[in-house]
Amino acid sequence: MKNGTLVQWDTPYALHHAPADTFVENFIRREALMAQRAQAYLRGEAGQP
């Protein structure tokens, strides 16, 4: 959602490979980075780039 409006409703694959615009692309990228950091933390690799 962007300013209360749904920007793109699609499959996870389409969201990742064909985002509707840069807002969706940046949101997906940010979420993926947070997931990677959480996984690293759970593996005991916190603080590693």
PDB file of N, CA and C in Angstrom:
ATOM      1  N   MET A   1       0.834  -1.176   0.000  1.00  0.00           N
ATOM      2  CA  MET A   1       0.000   0.000   0.000  1.00  0.00           C
ATOM      3  C   MET A   1       0.880   1.241   0.000  1.00  0.00           C
ATOM      4  N   LYS A   2       0.430   2.197  -0.742  1.00  0.00           N
ATOM      5  CA  LYS A   2       1.125   3.477  -0.844  1.00  0.00           C
ATOM      6  C   LYS A   2       0.074   4.566  -0.699  1.00  0.00           C
ATOM      7  N   ASN A   3       0.175   5.338   0.378  1.00  0.00           N
ATOM      8  CA  ASN A   3      -0.794   6.395   0.658  1.00  0.00           C
ATOM      9  C   ASN A   3      -2.221   5.859   0.692  1.00  0.00           C
ATOM     10  N   GLY A   4      -2.388   4.657   1.272  1.00  0.00           N
ATOM     11  CA  GLY A   4      -3.707   4.070   1.418  1.00  0.00           C
ATOM     12  C   GLY A   4      -4.253   3.396   0.170  1.00  0.00           C
ATOM     13  N   THR A   5      -3.444   3.292  -0.877  1.00  0.00           N
ATOM     14  CA  THR A   5      -3.882   2.671  -2.122  1.00  0.00           C
ATOM     15  C   THR A   5      -3.046   1.426  -2.395  1.00  0.00           C
ATOM     16  N   LEU A   6      -3.731   0.344  -2.748  1.00  0.00           N
ATOM     17  CA  LEU A   6      -3.036  -0.885  -3.099  1.00  0.00           C
ATOM     18  C   LEU A   6      -2.321  -0.672  -4.430  1.00  0.00           C
ATOM     19  N   VAL A   7      -1.008  -0.872  -4.438  1.00  0.00           N
ATOM     20  CA  VAL A   7      -0.195  -0.602  -5.624  1.00  0.00           C
ATOM     21  C   VAL A   7      -0.139  -1.815  -6.545  1.00  0.00           C
ATOM     22  N   GLN A   8       0.045  -3.009  -5.958  1.00  0.00           N
ATOM     23  CA  GLN A   8       0.140  -4.204  -6.791  1.00  0.00           C
ATOM     24  C   GLN A   8      -0.356  -5.398  -6.003  1.00  0.00           C
ATOM     25  N   TRP A   9      -1.246  -6.169  -6.608  1.00  0.00           N
ATOM     26  CA  TRP A   9      -1.753  -7.414  -6.035  1.00  0.00           C
ATOM     27  C   TRP A   9      -1.356  -8.508  -7.000  1.00  0.00           C
ATOM     28  N   ASP A  10      -0.450  -9.386  -6.567  1.00  0.00           N
ATOM     29  CA  ASP A  10       0.087 -10.376  -7.491  1.00  0.00           C
ATOM     30  C   ASP A  10       0.693 -11.536  -6.712  1.00  0.00           C
ATOM     31  N   THR A  11       1.220 -12.488  -7.429  1.00  0.00           N
ATOM     32  CA  THR A  11       1.902 -13.620  -6.800  1.00  0.00           C
ATOM     33  C   THR A  11       3.255 -13.155  -6.266  1.00  0.00           C
ATOM     34  N   PRO A  12       3.816 -13.890  -5.297  1.00  0.00           N
ATOM     35  CA  PRO A  12       5.148 -13.533  -4.818  1.00  0.00           C
ATOM     36  C   PRO A  12       6.176 -13.489  -5.959  1.00  0.00           C
ATOM     37  N   TYR A  13       6.079 -14.438  -6.876  1.00  0.00           N
ATOM     38  CA  TYR A  13       7.016 -14.464  -8.005  1.00  0.00           C
ATOM     39  C   TYR A  13       6.904 -13.175  -8.826  1.00  0.00           C
ATOM     40  N   ALA A  14       5.692 -12.778  -9.155  1.00  0.00           N
ATOM     41  CA  ALA A  14       5.499 -11.574  -9.967  1.00  0.00           C
ATOM     42  C   ALA A  14       5.925 -10.313  -9.216  1.00  0.00           C
ATOM     43  N   LEU A  15       5.650 -10.260  -7.922  1.00  0.00           N
ATOM     44  CA  LEU A  15       6.082  -9.104  -7.137  1.00  0.00           C
ATOM     45  C   LEU A  15       7.595  -8.957  -7.179  1.00  0.00           C
ATOM     46  N   HIS A  16       8.282 -10.077  -7.099  1.00  0.00           N
ATOM     47  CA  HIS A  16       9.749 -10.048  -7.094  1.00  0.00           C
ATOM     48  C   HIS A  16      10.326  -9.795  -8.491  1.00  0.00           C
ATOM     49  N   HIS A  17       9.759 -10.428  -9.496  1.00  0.00           N
ATOM     50  CA  HIS A  17      10.338 -10.373 -10.844  1.00  0.00           C
ATOM     51  C   HIS A  17       9.733  -9.304 -11.754  1.00  0.00           C
ATOM     52  N   ALA A  18       8.555  -8.801 -11.409  1.00  0.00           N
ATOM     53  CA  ALA A  18       7.921  -7.781 -12.258  1.00  0.00           C
ATOM     54  C   ALA A  18       7.141  -6.792 -11.404  1.00  0.00           C
ATOM     55  N   PRO A  19       7.858  -6.044 -10.545  1.00  0.00           N
ATOM     56  CA  PRO A  19       7.150  -5.072  -9.696  1.00  0.00           C
ATOM     57  C   PRO A  19       6.491  -3.986 -10.549  1.00  0.00           C
ATOM     58  N   ALA A  20       5.353  -3.497 -10.070  1.00  0.00           N
ATOM     59  CA  ALA A  20       4.581  -2.504 -10.811  1.00  0.00           C
ATOM     60  C   ALA A  20       5.328  -1.182 -10.962  1.00  0.00           C
ATOM     61  N   ASP A  21       6.104  -0.823  -9.945  1.00  0.00           N
ATOM     62  CA  ASP A  21       6.857   0.435 -10.002  1.00  0.00           C
ATOM     63  C   ASP A  21       8.007   0.380  -9.007  1.00  0.00           C
ATOM     64  N   THR A  22       8.737   1.472  -8.901  1.00  0.00           N
ATOM     65  CA  THR A  22       9.907   1.493  -8.013  1.00  0.00           C
ATOM     66  C   THR A  22       9.519   1.400  -6.540  1.00  0.00           C
ATOM     67  N   PHE A  23       8.332   1.874  -6.191  1.00  0.00           N
ATOM     68  CA  PHE A  23       7.872   1.762  -4.803  1.00  0.00           C
ATOM     69  C   PHE A  23       7.767   0.292  -4.404  1.00  0.00           C
ATOM     70  N   VAL A  24       7.131  -0.506  -5.239  1.00  0.00           N
ATOM     71  CA  VAL A  24       6.982  -1.937  -4.968  1.00  0.00           C
ATOM     72  C   VAL A  24       8.351  -2.609  -4.963  1.00  0.00           C
ATOM     73  N   GLU A  25       9.183  -2.277  -5.930  1.00  0.00           N
ATOM     74  CA  GLU A  25      10.517  -2.855  -6.024  1.00  0.00           C
ATOM     75  C   GLU A  25      11.323  -2.585  -4.749  1.00  0.00           C
ATOM     76  N   ASN A  26      11.324  -1.347  -4.284  1.00  0.00           N
ATOM     77  CA  ASN A  26      12.072  -0.984  -3.074  1.00  0.00           C
ATOM     78  C   ASN A  26      11.499  -1.668  -1.843  1.00  0.00           C
ATOM     79  N   PHE A  27      10.165  -1.787  -1.771  1.00  0.00           N
ATOM     80  CA  PHE A  27       9.530  -2.458  -0.645  1.00  0.00           C
ATOM     81  C   PHE A  27       9.942  -3.919  -0.595  1.00  0.00           C
ATOM     82  N   ILE A  28       9.903  -4.608  -1.723  1.00  0.00           N
ATOM     83  CA  ILE A  28      10.269  -6.023  -1.786  1.00  0.00           C
ATOM     84  C   ILE A  28      11.743  -6.196  -1.436  1.00  0.00           C
ATOM     85  N   ARG A  29      12.592  -5.343  -1.960  1.00  0.00           N
ATOM     86  CA  ARG A  29      14.026  -5.420  -1.670  1.00  0.00           C
ATOM     87  C   ARG A  29      14.287  -5.228  -0.178  1.00  0.00           C
ATOM     88  N   ARG A  30      13.614  -4.253   0.427  1.00  0.00           N
ATOM     89  CA  ARG A  30      13.799  -3.971   1.854  1.00  0.00           C
ATOM     90  C   ARG A  30      13.336  -5.161   2.701  1.00  0.00           C
ATOM     91  N   GLU A  31      12.201  -5.759   2.329  1.00  0.00           N
ATOM     92  CA  GLU A  31      11.693  -6.908   3.069  1.00  0.00           C
ATOM     93  C   GLU A  31      12.644  -8.096   2.953  1.00  0.00           C
ATOM     94  N   ALA A  32      13.211  -8.311   1.782  1.00  0.00           N
ATOM     95  CA  ALA A  32      14.150  -9.415   1.577  1.00  0.00           C
ATOM     96  C   ALA A  32      15.402  -9.205   2.424  1.00  0.00           C
ATOM     97  N   LEU A  33      15.888  -7.984   2.493  1.00  0.00           N
ATOM     98  CA  LEU A  33      17.076  -7.686   3.292  1.00  0.00           C
ATOM     99  C   LEU A  33      16.804  -7.937   4.771  1.00  0.00           C
ATOM    100  N   MET A  34      15.633  -7.540   5.253  1.00  0.00           N
ATOM    101  CA  MET A  34      15.296  -7.771   6.655  1.00  0.00           C
ATOM    102  C   MET A  34      15.209  -9.265   6.945  1.00  0.00           C
ATOM    103  N   ALA A  35      14.664 -10.043   6.020  1.00  0.00           N
ATOM    104  CA  ALA A  35      14.575 -11.493   6.212  1.00  0.00           C
ATOM    105  C   ALA A  35      15.968 -12.114   6.266  1.00  0.00           C
ATOM    106  N   GLN A  36      16.856 -11.651   5.406  1.00  0.00           N
ATOM    107  CA  GLN A  36      18.232 -12.164   5.413  1.00  0.00           C
ATOM    108  C   GLN A  36      18.919 -11.848   6.731  1.00  0.00           C
ATOM    109  N   ARG A  37      18.718 -10.657   7.234  1.00  0.00           N
ATOM    110  CA  ARG A  37      19.334 -10.272   8.508  1.00  0.00           C
ATOM    111  C   ARG A  37      18.777 -11.103   9.654  1.00  0.00           C
ATOM    112  N   ALA A  38      17.474 -11.371   9.639  1.00  0.00           N
ATOM    113  CA  ALA A  38      16.862 -12.179  10.687  1.00  0.00           C
ATOM    114  C   ALA A  38      17.409 -13.601  10.647  1.00  0.00           C
ATOM    115  N   GLN A  39      17.563 -14.152   9.463  1.00  0.00           N
ATOM    116  CA  GLN A  39      18.110 -15.503   9.334  1.00  0.00           C
ATOM    117  C   GLN A  39      19.555 -15.553   9.833  1.00  0.00           C
ATOM    118  N   ALA A  40      20.339 -14.541   9.510  1.00  0.00           N
ATOM    119  CA  ALA A  40      21.724 -14.485   9.975  1.00  0.00           C
ATOM    120  C   ALA A  40      21.769 -14.399  11.498  1.00  0.00           C
ATOM    121  N   TYR A  41      20.879 -13.620  12.073  1.00  0.00           N
ATOM    122  CA  TYR A  41      20.805 -13.498  13.525  1.00  0.00           C
ATOM    123  C   TYR A  41      20.496 -14.848  14.164  1.00  0.00           C
ATOM    124  N   LEU A  42      19.522 -15.561  13.600  1.00  0.00           N
ATOM    125  CA  LEU A  42      19.134 -16.849  14.153  1.00  0.00           C
ATOM    126  C   LEU A  42      20.250 -17.884  14.016  1.00  0.00           C
ATOM    127  N   ARG A  43      21.107 -17.729  13.019  1.00  0.00           N
ATOM    128  CA  ARG A  43      22.249 -18.630  12.842  1.00  0.00           C
ATOM    129  C   ARG A  43      23.431 -18.206  13.709  1.00  0.00           C
ATOM    130  N   GLY A  44      23.297 -17.096  14.431  1.00  0.00           N
ATOM    131  CA  GLY A  44      24.382 -16.622  15.274  1.00  0.00           C
ATOM    132  C   GLY A  44      25.396 -15.780  14.529  1.00  0.00           C
ATOM    133  N   GLU A  45      25.009 -15.257  13.395  1.00  0.00           N
ATOM    134  CA  GLU A  45      25.917 -14.454  12.579  1.00  0.00           C
ATOM    135  C   GLU A  45      25.585 -12.957  12.664  1.00  0.00           C
ATOM    136  N   ALA A  46      24.935 -12.551  13.703  1.00  0.00           N
ATOM    137  CA  ALA A  46      24.544 -11.148  13.843  1.00  0.00           C
ATOM    138  C   ALA A  46      25.771 -10.259  13.823  1.00  0.00           C
ATOM    139  N   GLY A  47      25.655  -9.141  13.158  1.00  0.00           N
ATOM    140  CA  GLY A  47      26.755  -8.200  13.054  1.00  0.00           C
ATOM    141  C   GLY A  47      27.654  -8.446  11.869  1.00  0.00           C
ATOM    142  N   GLN A  48      27.438  -9.534  11.160  1.00  0.00           N
ATOM    143  CA  GLN A  48      28.233  -9.823   9.976  1.00  0.00           C
ATOM    144  C   GLN A  48      27.569  -9.188   8.767  1.00  0.00           C
ATOM    145  N   PRO A  49      28.343  -8.570   7.897  1.00  0.00           N
ATOM    146  CA  PRO A  49      27.744  -7.948   6.695  1.00  0.00           C
ATOM    147  C   PRO A  49      27.189  -8.973   5.740  1.00  0.00           C
TER     148      PRO A  49
END
